[in-house]
PDB file of N, CA and C in Angstrom:
ATOM      1  N   MET A   1       0.687  66.610  -4.458  1.00  0.00           N
ATOM      2  CA  MET A   1       1.048  65.513  -5.350  1.00  0.00           C
ATOM      3  C   MET A   1      -0.206  64.648  -5.628  1.00  0.00           C
ATOM      4  N   PRO A   2      -0.445  64.464  -6.908  1.00  0.00           N
ATOM      5  CA  PRO A   2      -1.591  63.645  -7.280  1.00  0.00           C
ATOM      6  C   PRO A   2      -1.404  62.170  -6.974  1.00  0.00           C
ATOM      7  N   LEU A   3      -2.481  61.501  -6.698  1.00  0.00           N
ATOM      8  CA  LEU A   3      -2.442  60.082  -6.388  1.00  0.00           C
ATOM      9  C   LEU A   3      -2.128  59.234  -7.667  1.00  0.00           C
ATOM     10  N   LYS A   4      -1.348  58.219  -7.538  1.00  0.00           N
ATOM     11  CA  LYS A   4      -1.144  57.336  -8.610  1.00  0.00           C
ATOM     12  C   LYS A   4      -1.861  56.042  -8.450  1.00  0.00           C
ATOM     13  N   ALA A   5      -2.510  55.528  -9.452  1.00  0.00           N
ATOM     14  CA  ALA A   5      -3.215  54.233  -9.272  1.00  0.00           C
ATOM     15  C   ALA A   5      -2.270  53.109  -9.104  1.00  0.00           C
ATOM     16  N   ALA A   6      -1.056  53.215  -9.637  1.00  0.00           N
ATOM     17  CA  ALA A   6      -0.042  52.184  -9.429  1.00  0.00           C
ATOM     18  C   ALA A   6       0.319  52.017  -7.943  1.00  0.00           C
ATOM     19  N   ASP A   7       0.349  53.147  -7.271  1.00  0.00           N
ATOM     20  CA  ASP A   7       0.728  53.072  -5.842  1.00  0.00           C
ATOM     21  C   ASP A   7      -0.317  52.242  -5.046  1.00  0.00           C
ATOM     22  N   GLU A   8      -1.630  52.469  -5.381  1.00  0.00           N
ATOM     23  CA  GLU A   8      -2.667  51.719  -4.694  1.00  0.00           C
ATOM     24  C   GLU A   8      -2.487  50.231  -4.926  1.00  0.00           C
ATOM     25  N   LEU A   9      -2.211  49.911  -6.167  1.00  0.00           N
ATOM     26  CA  LEU A   9      -2.054  48.473  -6.616  1.00  0.00           C
ATOM     27  C   LEU A   9      -0.867  47.787  -5.939  1.00  0.00           C
ATOM     28  N   VAL A  10       0.220  48.592  -5.830  1.00  0.00           N
ATOM     29  CA  VAL A  10       1.470  48.104  -5.152  1.00  0.00           C
ATOM     30  C   VAL A  10       1.128  47.795  -3.665  1.00  0.00           C
ATOM     31  N   VAL A  11       0.398  48.721  -3.087  1.00  0.00           N
ATOM     32  CA  VAL A  11       0.079  48.555  -1.583  1.00  0.00           C
ATOM     33  C   VAL A  11      -0.793  47.339  -1.421  1.00  0.00           C
ATOM     34  N   ILE A  12      -1.813  47.214  -2.249  1.00  0.00           N
ATOM     35  CA  ILE A  12      -2.782  46.101  -2.125  1.00  0.00           C
ATOM     36  C   ILE A  12      -2.045  44.775  -2.383  1.00  0.00           C
ATOM     37  N   GLY A  13      -1.123  44.761  -3.357  1.00  0.00           N
ATOM     38  CA  GLY A  13      -0.396  43.544  -3.669  1.00  0.00           C
ATOM     39  C   GLY A  13       0.457  43.151  -2.541  1.00  0.00           C
ATOM     40  N   TYR A  14       1.143  44.119  -1.882  1.00  0.00           N
ATOM     41  CA  TYR A  14       1.996  43.853  -0.742  1.00  0.00           C
ATOM     42  C   TYR A  14       1.191  43.326   0.492  1.00  0.00           C
ATOM     43  N   LEU A  15       0.016  43.966   0.698  1.00  0.00           N
ATOM     44  CA  LEU A  15      -0.772  43.495   1.837  1.00  0.00           C
ATOM     45  C   LEU A  15      -1.362  42.095   1.597  1.00  0.00           C
ATOM     46  N   ASP A  16      -1.664  41.757   0.369  1.00  0.00           N
ATOM     47  CA  ASP A  16      -2.064  40.401   0.086  1.00  0.00           C
ATOM     48  C   ASP A  16      -0.949  39.406   0.211  1.00  0.00           C
ATOM     49  N   TYR A  17       0.221  39.776  -0.268  1.00  0.00           N
ATOM     50  CA  TYR A  17       1.433  39.007  -0.163  1.00  0.00           C
ATOM     51  C   TYR A  17       1.774  38.632   1.265  1.00  0.00           C
ATOM     52  N   ARG A  18       1.672  39.587   2.112  1.00  0.00           N
ATOM     53  CA  ARG A  18       2.051  39.490   3.530  1.00  0.00           C
ATOM     54  C   ARG A  18       0.878  38.900   4.373  1.00  0.00           C
ATOM     55  N   ASN A  19      -0.259  38.650   3.800  1.00  0.00           N
ATOM     56  CA  ASN A  19      -1.435  38.150   4.524  1.00  0.00           C
ATOM     57  C   ASN A  19      -1.788  38.943   5.709  1.00  0.00           C
ATOM     58  N   LEU A  20      -1.902  40.226   5.454  1.00  0.00           N
ATOM     59  CA  LEU A  20      -2.170  41.188   6.564  1.00  0.00           C
ATOM     60  C   LEU A  20      -3.543  40.953   7.149  1.00  0.00           C
ATOM     61  N   GLN A  21      -4.498  40.322   6.469  1.00  0.00           N
ATOM     62  CA  GLN A  21      -5.824  40.076   6.988  1.00  0.00           C
ATOM     63  C   GLN A  21      -5.752  39.128   8.179  1.00  0.00           C
ATOM     64  N   ASN A  22      -4.657  38.385   8.348  1.00  0.00           N
ATOM     65  CA  ASN A  22      -4.472  37.511   9.442  1.00  0.00           C
ATOM     66  C   ASN A  22      -4.071  38.162  10.757  1.00  0.00           C
ATOM     67  N   LEU A  23      -3.609  39.436  10.647  1.00  0.00           N
ATOM     68  CA  LEU A  23      -3.113  40.172  11.791  1.00  0.00           C
ATOM     69  C   LEU A  23      -4.263  40.781  12.602  1.00  0.00           C
ATOM     70  N   GLY A  24      -5.484  40.873  12.069  1.00  0.00           N
ATOM     71  CA  GLY A  24      -6.575  41.496  12.828  1.00  0.00           C
ATOM     72  C   GLY A  24      -6.564  43.071  12.691  1.00  0.00           C
ATOM     73  N   PHE A  25      -7.094  43.659  13.676  1.00  0.00           N
ATOM     74  CA  PHE A  25      -7.223  45.091  13.688  1.00  0.00           C
ATOM     75  C   PHE A  25      -5.933  45.795  14.083  1.00  0.00           C
ATOM     76  N   LEU A  26      -5.530  46.785  13.297  1.00  0.00           N
ATOM     77  CA  LEU A  26      -4.305  47.534  13.549  1.00  0.00           C
ATOM     78  C   LEU A  26      -4.578  49.006  13.642  1.00  0.00           C
ATOM     79  N   LYS A  27      -3.689  49.722  14.355  1.00  0.00           N
ATOM     80  CA  LYS A  27      -3.835  51.168  14.392  1.00  0.00           C
ATOM     81  C   LYS A  27      -3.280  51.807  13.068  1.00  0.00           C
ATOM     82  N   TYR A  28      -3.758  52.955  12.845  1.00  0.00           N
ATOM     83  CA  TYR A  28      -3.301  53.654  11.616  1.00  0.00           C
ATOM     84  C   TYR A  28      -1.842  53.852  11.548  1.00  0.00           C
ATOM     85  N   SER A  29      -1.210  54.085  12.668  1.00  0.00           N
ATOM     86  CA  SER A  29       0.241  54.402  12.657  1.00  0.00           C
ATOM     87  C   SER A  29       1.010  53.122  12.213  1.00  0.00           C
ATOM     88  N   HIS A  30       0.512  51.975  12.496  1.00  0.00           N
ATOM     89  CA  HIS A  30       1.218  50.743  12.011  1.00  0.00           C
ATOM     90  C   HIS A  30       1.022  50.633  10.514  1.00  0.00           C
ATOM     91  N   LEU A  31      -0.160  50.836  10.022  1.00  0.00           N
ATOM     92  CA  LEU A  31      -0.452  50.802   8.563  1.00  0.00           C
ATOM     93  C   LEU A  31       0.279  51.771   7.827  1.00  0.00           C
ATOM     94  N   CYS A  32       0.422  53.019   8.422  1.00  0.00           N
ATOM     95  CA  CYS A  32       1.167  54.117   7.764  1.00  0.00           C
ATOM     96  C   CYS A  32       2.614  53.725   7.621  1.00  0.00           C
ATOM     97  N   ALA A  33       3.240  53.114   8.623  1.00  0.00           N
ATOM     98  CA  ALA A  33       4.633  52.652   8.517  1.00  0.00           C
ATOM     99  C   ALA A  33       4.766  51.589   7.355  1.00  0.00           C
ATOM    100  N   ILE A  34       3.793  50.692   7.258  1.00  0.00           N
ATOM    101  CA  ILE A  34       3.883  49.720   6.196  1.00  0.00           C
ATOM    102  C   ILE A  34       3.730  50.391   4.871  1.00  0.00           C
ATOM    103  N   PHE A  35       2.772  51.344   4.667  1.00  0.00           N
ATOM    104  CA  PHE A  35       2.610  52.013   3.446  1.00  0.00           C
ATOM    105  C   PHE A  35       3.921  52.831   3.046  1.00  0.00           C
ATOM    106  N   CYS A  36       4.458  53.518   4.031  1.00  0.00           N
ATOM    107  CA  CYS A  36       5.663  54.263   3.756  1.00  0.00           C
ATOM    108  C   CYS A  36       6.801  53.321   3.254  1.00  0.00           C
ATOM    109  N   TYR A  37       6.944  52.227   3.929  1.00  0.00           N
ATOM    110  CA  TYR A  37       7.994  51.228   3.541  1.00  0.00           C
ATOM    111  C   TYR A  37       7.735  50.698   2.170  1.00  0.00           C
ATOM    112  N   VAL A  38       6.545  50.323   1.836  1.00  0.00           N
ATOM    113  CA  VAL A  38       6.225  49.744   0.513  1.00  0.00           C
ATOM    114  C   VAL A  38       6.435  50.756  -0.586  1.00  0.00           C
ATOM    115  N   LEU A  39       5.950  51.968  -0.401  1.00  0.00           N
ATOM    116  CA  LEU A  39       6.046  53.033  -1.412  1.00  0.00           C
ATOM    117  C   LEU A  39       7.373  53.717  -1.490  1.00  0.00           C
ATOM    118  N   ASN A  40       8.165  53.554  -0.396  1.00  0.00           N
ATOM    119  CA  ASN A  40       9.378  54.330  -0.304  1.00  0.00           C
ATOM    120  C   ASN A  40       9.146  55.759  -0.412  1.00  0.00           C
ATOM    121  N   ASN A  41       8.034  56.257   0.158  1.00  0.00           N
ATOM    122  CA  ASN A  41       7.580  57.615   0.182  1.00  0.00           C
ATOM    123  C   ASN A  41       7.109  57.944   1.563  1.00  0.00           C
ATOM    124  N   TYR A  42       7.861  58.833   2.275  1.00  0.00           N
ATOM    125  CA  TYR A  42       7.577  59.099   3.660  1.00  0.00           C
ATOM    126  C   TYR A  42       6.800  60.387   3.831  1.00  0.00           C
ATOM    127  N   ASP A  43       6.114  60.830   2.787  1.00  0.00           N
ATOM    128  CA  ASP A  43       5.177  61.983   2.872  1.00  0.00           C
ATOM    129  C   ASP A  43       3.864  61.514   3.502  1.00  0.00           C
ATOM    130  N   LYS A  44       3.675  61.884   4.719  1.00  0.00           N
ATOM    131  CA  LYS A  44       2.474  61.387   5.467  1.00  0.00           C
ATOM    132  C   LYS A  44       1.209  61.812   4.864  1.00  0.00           C
ATOM    133  N   ALA A  45       1.142  62.993   4.271  1.00  0.00           N
ATOM    134  CA  ALA A  45      -0.115  63.451   3.661  1.00  0.00           C
ATOM    135  C   ALA A  45      -0.431  62.622   2.388  1.00  0.00           C
ATOM    136  N   TYR A  46       0.516  62.260   1.658  1.00  0.00           N
ATOM    137  CA  TYR A  46       0.308  61.408   0.496  1.00  0.00           C
ATOM    138  C   TYR A  46      -0.188  59.979   0.854  1.00  0.00           C
ATOM    139  N   VAL A  47       0.512  59.454   1.905  1.00  0.00           N
ATOM    140  CA  VAL A  47       0.170  58.151   2.378  1.00  0.00           C
ATOM    141  C   VAL A  47      -1.251  58.131   2.947  1.00  0.00           C
ATOM    142  N   ARG A  48      -1.632  59.195   3.686  1.00  0.00           N
ATOM    143  CA  ARG A  48      -2.952  59.291   4.239  1.00  0.00           C
ATOM    144  C   ARG A  48      -4.063  59.341   3.142  1.00  0.00           C
ATOM    145  N   LYS A  49      -3.797  60.070   1.999  1.00  0.00           N
ATOM    146  CA  LYS A  49      -4.729  60.120   0.919  1.00  0.00           C
ATOM    147  C   LYS A  49      -4.882  58.745   0.275  1.00  0.00           C
ATOM    148  N   ILE A  50      -3.863  57.953   0.166  1.00  0.00           N
ATOM    149  CA  ILE A  50      -3.993  56.589  -0.374  1.00  0.00           C
ATOM    150  C   ILE A  50      -4.846  55.731   0.654  1.00  0.00           C
ATOM    151  N   PHE A  51      -4.466  55.884   1.915  1.00  0.00           N
ATOM    152  CA  PHE A  51      -5.226  55.050   2.914  1.00  0.00           C
ATOM    153  C   PHE A  51      -6.697  55.410   2.960  1.00  0.00           C
ATOM    154  N   ILE A  52      -7.042  56.652   2.897  1.00  0.00           N
ATOM    155  CA  ILE A  52      -8.458  57.050   2.853  1.00  0.00           C
ATOM    156  C   ILE A  52      -9.154  56.471   1.664  1.00  0.00           C
ATOM    157  N   LYS A  53      -8.502  56.519   0.527  1.00  0.00           N
ATOM    158  CA  LYS A  53      -9.108  55.952  -0.752  1.00  0.00           C
ATOM    159  C   LYS A  53      -9.345  54.493  -0.609  1.00  0.00           C
ATOM    160  N   LEU A  54      -8.400  53.785   0.010  1.00  0.00           N
ATOM    161  CA  LEU A  54      -8.533  52.308   0.271  1.00  0.00           C
ATOM    162  C   LEU A  54      -9.632  51.959   1.193  1.00  0.00           C
ATOM    163  N   VAL A  55      -9.814  52.817   2.206  1.00  0.00           N
ATOM    164  CA  VAL A  55     -10.899  52.679   3.202  1.00  0.00           C
ATOM    165  C   VAL A  55     -12.300  52.841   2.499  1.00  0.00           C
ATOM    166  N   ARG A  56     -12.336  53.867   1.692  1.00  0.00           N
ATOM    167  CA  ARG A  56     -13.587  54.177   0.989  1.00  0.00           C
ATOM    168  C   ARG A  56     -13.936  53.105  -0.048  1.00  0.00           C
ATOM    169  N   ASN A  57     -12.887  52.518  -0.680  1.00  0.00           N
ATOM    170  CA  ASN A  57     -13.127  51.398  -1.584  1.00  0.00           C
ATOM    171  C   ASN A  57     -13.479  50.081  -0.955  1.00  0.00           C
ATOM    172  N   GLY A  58     -13.375  50.020   0.335  1.00  0.00           N
ATOM    173  CA  GLY A  58     -13.851  48.841   1.081  1.00  0.00           C
ATOM    174  C   GLY A  58     -12.687  47.810   1.320  1.00  0.00           C
ATOM    175  N   HIS A  59     -11.469  48.271   1.236  1.00  0.00           N
ATOM    176  CA  HIS A  59     -10.305  47.349   1.493  1.00  0.00           C
ATOM    177  C   HIS A  59     -10.057  47.197   2.928  1.00  0.00           C
ATOM    178  N   PHE A  60     -10.559  48.054   3.727  1.00  0.00           N
ATOM    179  CA  PHE A  60     -10.355  48.016   5.173  1.00  0.00           C
ATOM    180  C   PHE A  60     -11.700  48.043   5.929  1.00  0.00           C
ATOM    181  N   GLU A  61     -11.757  47.305   7.037  1.00  0.00           N
ATOM    182  CA  GLU A  61     -12.964  47.388   7.908  1.00  0.00           C
ATOM    183  C   GLU A  61     -12.496  48.304   9.065  1.00  0.00           C
ATOM    184  N   LYS A  62     -13.407  49.226   9.438  1.00  0.00           N
ATOM    185  CA  LYS A  62     -13.090  50.271  10.462  1.00  0.00           C
ATOM    186  C   LYS A  62     -13.887  49.992  11.684  1.00  0.00           C
ATOM    187  N   LYS A  63     -13.136  49.995  12.865  1.00  0.00           N
ATOM    188  CA  LYS A  63     -13.822  49.733  14.181  1.00  0.00           C
ATOM    189  C   LYS A  63     -13.409  50.825  15.106  1.00  0.00           C
ATOM    190  N   GLN A  64     -14.411  51.356  15.868  1.00  0.00           N
ATOM    191  CA  GLN A  64     -14.101  52.376  16.852  1.00  0.00           C
ATOM    192  C   GLN A  64     -13.814  51.763  18.279  1.00  0.00           C
ATOM    193  N   ASN A  65     -12.798  52.329  18.878  1.00  0.00           N
ATOM    194  CA  ASN A  65     -12.386  51.783  20.195  1.00  0.00           C
ATOM    195  C   ASN A  65     -13.149  52.591  21.295  1.00  0.00           C
ATOM    196  N   ILE A  66     -12.890  52.195  22.498  1.00  0.00           N
ATOM    197  CA  ILE A  66     -13.529  52.895  23.572  1.00  0.00           C
ATOM    198  C   ILE A  66     -13.034  54.314  23.735  1.00  0.00           C
ATOM    199  N   LYS A  67     -11.709  54.547  23.351  1.00  0.00           N
ATOM    200  CA  LYS A  67     -11.157  55.839  23.462  1.00  0.00           C
ATOM    201  C   LYS A  67     -11.463  56.777  22.257  1.00  0.00           C
ATOM    202  N   ARG A  68     -12.413  56.363  21.455  1.00  0.00           N
ATOM    203  CA  ARG A  68     -12.866  57.124  20.301  1.00  0.00           C
ATOM    204  C   ARG A  68     -11.757  57.146  19.144  1.00  0.00           C
ATOM    205  N   SER A  69     -10.849  56.273  19.265  1.00  0.00           N
ATOM    206  CA  SER A  69      -9.925  56.102  18.171  1.00  0.00           C
ATOM    207  C   SER A  69     -10.391  54.859  17.328  1.00  0.00           C
ATOM    208  N   TYR A  70      -9.706  54.741  16.130  1.00  0.00           N
ATOM    209  CA  TYR A  70     -10.201  53.692  15.203  1.00  0.00           C
ATOM    210  C   TYR A  70      -9.050  52.715  14.952  1.00  0.00           C
ATOM    211  N   THR A  71      -9.445  51.535  14.750  1.00  0.00           N
ATOM    212  CA  THR A  71      -8.507  50.452  14.305  1.00  0.00           C
ATOM    213  C   THR A  71      -9.058  49.922  12.948  1.00  0.00           C
ATOM    214  N   TYR A  72      -8.155  49.413  12.161  1.00  0.00           N
ATOM    215  CA  TYR A  72      -8.559  48.983  10.808  1.00  0.00           C
ATOM    216  C   TYR A  72      -8.058  47.533  10.551  1.00  0.00           C
ATOM    217  N   LYS A  73      -8.939  46.781   9.871  1.00  0.00           N
ATOM    218  CA  LYS A  73      -8.587  45.394   9.478  1.00  0.00           C
ATOM    219  C   LYS A  73      -8.591  45.314   7.988  1.00  0.00           C
ATOM    220  N   TYR A  74      -7.519  44.823   7.396  1.00  0.00           N
ATOM    221  CA  TYR A  74      -7.447  44.659   6.007  1.00  0.00           C
ATOM    222  C   TYR A  74      -8.355  43.465   5.532  1.00  0.00           C
ATOM    223  N   ILE A  75      -9.045  43.708   4.443  1.00  0.00           N
ATOM    224  CA  ILE A  75      -9.852  42.645   3.889  1.00  0.00           C
ATOM    225  C   ILE A  75      -9.181  42.203   2.543  1.00  0.00           C
ATOM    226  N   ASN A  76      -8.854  40.948   2.417  1.00  0.00           N
ATOM    227  CA  ASN A  76      -8.155  40.475   1.235  1.00  0.00           C
ATOM    228  C   ASN A  76      -8.912  40.825  -0.012  1.00  0.00           C
ATOM    229  N   SER A  77      -8.145  41.410  -0.989  1.00  0.00           N
ATOM    230  CA  SER A  77      -8.759  41.873  -2.222  1.00  0.00           C
ATOM    231  C   SER A  77      -9.390  40.741  -3.012  1.00  0.00           C
ATOM    232  N   ASN A  78      -8.880  39.545  -2.931  1.00  0.00           N
ATOM    233  CA  ASN A  78      -9.480  38.445  -3.612  1.00  0.00           C
ATOM    234  C   ASN A  78     -10.869  38.159  -3.005  1.00  0.00           C
ATOM    235  N   LEU A  79     -10.932  38.128  -1.714  1.00  0.00           N
ATOM    236  CA  LEU A  79     -12.228  37.890  -1.055  1.00  0.00           C
ATOM    237  C   LEU A  79     -13.236  39.021  -1.343  1.00  0.00           C
ATOM    238  N   LEU A  80     -12.709  40.227  -1.479  1.00  0.00           N
ATOM    239  CA  LEU A  80     -13.476  41.448  -1.724  1.00  0.00           C
ATOM    240  C   LEU A  80     -14.145  41.315  -3.114  1.00  0.00           C
ATOM    241  N   ASP A  81     -13.398  40.886  -4.129  1.00  0.00           N
ATOM    242  CA  ASP A  81     -13.888  40.727  -5.455  1.00  0.00           C
ATOM    243  C   ASP A  81     -14.921  39.592  -5.508  1.00  0.00           C
ATOM    244  N   VAL A  82     -14.698  38.517  -4.842  1.00  0.00           N
ATOM    245  CA  VAL A  82     -15.683  37.389  -4.830  1.00  0.00           C
ATOM    246  C   VAL A  82     -16.940  37.857  -4.213  1.00  0.00           C
ATOM    247  N   THR A  83     -16.894  38.623  -3.064  1.00  0.00           N
ATOM    248  CA  THR A  83     -18.091  39.077  -2.400  1.00  0.00           C
ATOM    249  C   THR A  83     -18.842  40.035  -3.226  1.00  0.00           C
ATOM    250  N   LYS A  84     -18.140  40.954  -3.992  1.00  0.00           N
ATOM    251  CA  LYS A  84     -18.864  41.924  -4.832  1.00  0.00           C
ATOM    252  C   LYS A  84     -19.550  41.205  -6.000  1.00  0.00           C
ATOM    253  N   SER A  85     -18.883  40.208  -6.524  1.00  0.00           N
ATOM    254  CA  SER A  85     -19.511  39.490  -7.657  1.00  0.00           C
ATOM    255  C   SER A  85     -20.731  38.623  -7.229  1.00  0.00           C
ATOM    256  N   CYS A  86     -20.662  38.113  -5.963  1.00  0.00           N
ATOM    257  CA  CYS A  86     -21.833  37.380  -5.462  1.00  0.00           C
ATOM    258  C   CYS A  86     -22.950  38.332  -5.219  1.00  0.00           C
ATOM    259  N   LEU A  87     -22.705  39.505  -4.702  1.00  0.00           N
ATOM    260  CA  LEU A  87     -23.823  40.475  -4.374  1.00  0.00           C
ATOM    261  C   LEU A  87     -24.443  40.936  -5.743  1.00  0.00           C
ATOM    262  N   GLU A  88     -23.609  41.155  -6.770  1.00  0.00           N
ATOM    263  CA  GLU A  88     -24.147  41.586  -8.013  1.00  0.00           C
ATOM    264  C   GLU A  88     -24.955  40.526  -8.694  1.00  0.00           C
ATOM    265  N   SER A  89     -24.565  39.227  -8.546  1.00  0.00           N
ATOM    266  CA  SER A  89     -25.326  38.139  -9.167  1.00  0.00           C
ATOM    267  C   SER A  89     -26.675  37.859  -8.492  1.00  0.00           C
ATOM    268  N   THR A  90     -26.769  38.233  -7.243  1.00  0.00           N
ATOM    269  CA  THR A  90     -28.043  37.991  -6.532  1.00  0.00           C
ATOM    270  C   THR A  90     -29.070  39.068  -6.742  1.00  0.00           C
ATOM    271  N   THR A  91     -28.574  40.255  -7.202  1.00  0.00           N
ATOM    272  CA  THR A  91     -29.496  41.397  -7.410  1.00  0.00           C
ATOM    273  C   THR A  91     -29.942  41.508  -8.861  1.00  0.00           C
TER     274      THR A  91
END
Protein backbone atom coordinates (compact mmCIF):
# COMPACT_ATOMS: atom_id res chain seq x y z
CA MET A 1 0.00 0.00 0.00
CA PRO A 2 1.58 3.33 -1.02
CA LEU A 3 1.94 6.06 1.57
CA LYS A 4 -0.50 8.95 1.50
CA ALA A 5 0.73 12.45 2.31
CA ALA A 6 -2.63 13.17 3.93
CA ASP A 7 -2.03 10.42 6.49
CA GLU A 8 1.22 12.05 7.60
CA LEU A 9 -0.51 15.41 7.98
CA VAL A 10 -3.36 13.86 9.96
CA VAL A 11 -0.91 12.18 12.35
CA ILE A 12 1.16 15.36 12.81
CA GLY A 13 -1.98 17.42 13.38
CA TYR A 14 -3.21 14.99 16.02
CA LEU A 15 0.15 14.88 17.80
CA ASP A 16 0.22 18.69 17.88
CA TYR A 17 -3.37 18.82 19.12
CA ARG A 18 -2.65 16.39 21.96
CA ASN A 19 0.65 18.14 22.87
CA LEU A 20 2.56 14.88 22.66
CA GLN A 21 5.86 16.76 23.03
CA ASN A 22 5.00 17.21 26.73
CA LEU A 23 4.97 13.43 27.35
CA GLY A 24 8.70 13.00 26.82
CA PHE A 25 10.24 9.85 25.37
CA LEU A 26 7.88 7.00 24.42
CA LYS A 27 8.36 3.47 23.14
CA TYR A 28 7.46 2.71 19.55
CA SER A 29 4.63 0.44 20.67
CA HIS A 30 2.84 3.38 22.32
CA LEU A 31 3.32 5.56 19.27
CA CYS A 32 2.14 2.74 17.00
CA ALA A 33 -1.09 2.46 19.00
CA ILE A 34 -1.67 6.21 18.65
CA PHE A 35 -1.00 6.10 14.90
CA CYS A 36 -3.35 3.14 14.43
CA TYR A 37 -6.09 4.94 16.37
CA VAL A 38 -5.72 8.19 14.45
CA LEU A 39 -5.56 6.60 11.01
CA ASN A 40 -8.10 3.88 11.80
CA ASN A 41 -5.69 1.57 9.99
CA TYR A 42 -4.28 -1.34 11.97
CA ASP A 43 -1.82 -2.51 9.30
CA LYS A 44 1.46 -2.47 11.27
CA ALA A 45 3.66 -2.37 8.16
CA TYR A 46 1.88 0.73 6.84
CA VAL A 47 2.06 2.48 10.21
CA ARG A 48 5.76 1.61 10.48
CA LYS A 49 6.44 3.19 7.07
CA ILE A 50 4.74 6.41 8.12
CA PHE A 51 6.64 6.43 11.42
CA ILE A 52 10.01 5.90 9.71
CA LYS A 53 9.26 8.73 7.29
CA LEU A 54 8.37 11.07 10.17
CA VAL A 55 11.59 10.13 12.01
CA ARG A 56 13.65 10.81 8.88
CA ASN A 57 11.92 14.18 8.42
CA GLY A 58 12.95 15.18 11.94
CA HIS A 59 9.57 15.06 13.69
CA PHE A 60 10.93 12.69 16.35
CA GLU A 61 14.09 12.66 18.44
CA LYS A 62 15.56 9.18 18.81
CA LYS A 63 17.34 8.02 21.99
CA GLN A 64 18.94 4.62 22.64
CA ASN A 65 18.33 2.90 25.97
CA ILE A 66 20.68 0.71 27.95
CA LYS A 67 18.91 -2.38 26.58
CA ARG A 68 19.72 -1.30 23.00
CA SER A 69 16.13 -0.37 22.33
CA TYR A 70 15.00 3.09 21.27
CA THR A 71 12.57 5.63 22.61
CA TYR A 72 11.23 8.56 20.64
CA LYS A 73 10.23 12.09 21.57
CA TYR A 74 7.88 14.08 19.37
CA ILE A 75 9.11 17.51 18.31
CA ASN A 76 6.28 20.00 17.78
CA SER A 77 5.97 20.75 14.06
CA ASN A 78 5.57 24.49 14.74
CA LEU A 79 8.87 24.54 16.62
CA LEU A 80 10.48 22.45 13.88
CA ASP A 81 9.44 24.97 11.20
CA VAL A 82 10.77 27.90 13.26
CA THR A 83 14.09 26.13 13.86
CA LYS A 84 14.51 25.31 10.16
CA SER A 85 13.78 28.88 9.14
CA CYS A 86 16.26 30.22 11.71
CA LEU A 87 18.97 27.87 10.47
CA GLU A 88 18.31 28.84 6.85
CA SER A 89 18.45 32.57 7.64
CA THR A 90 21.81 32.29 9.42
CA THR A 91 23.50 30.47 6.53
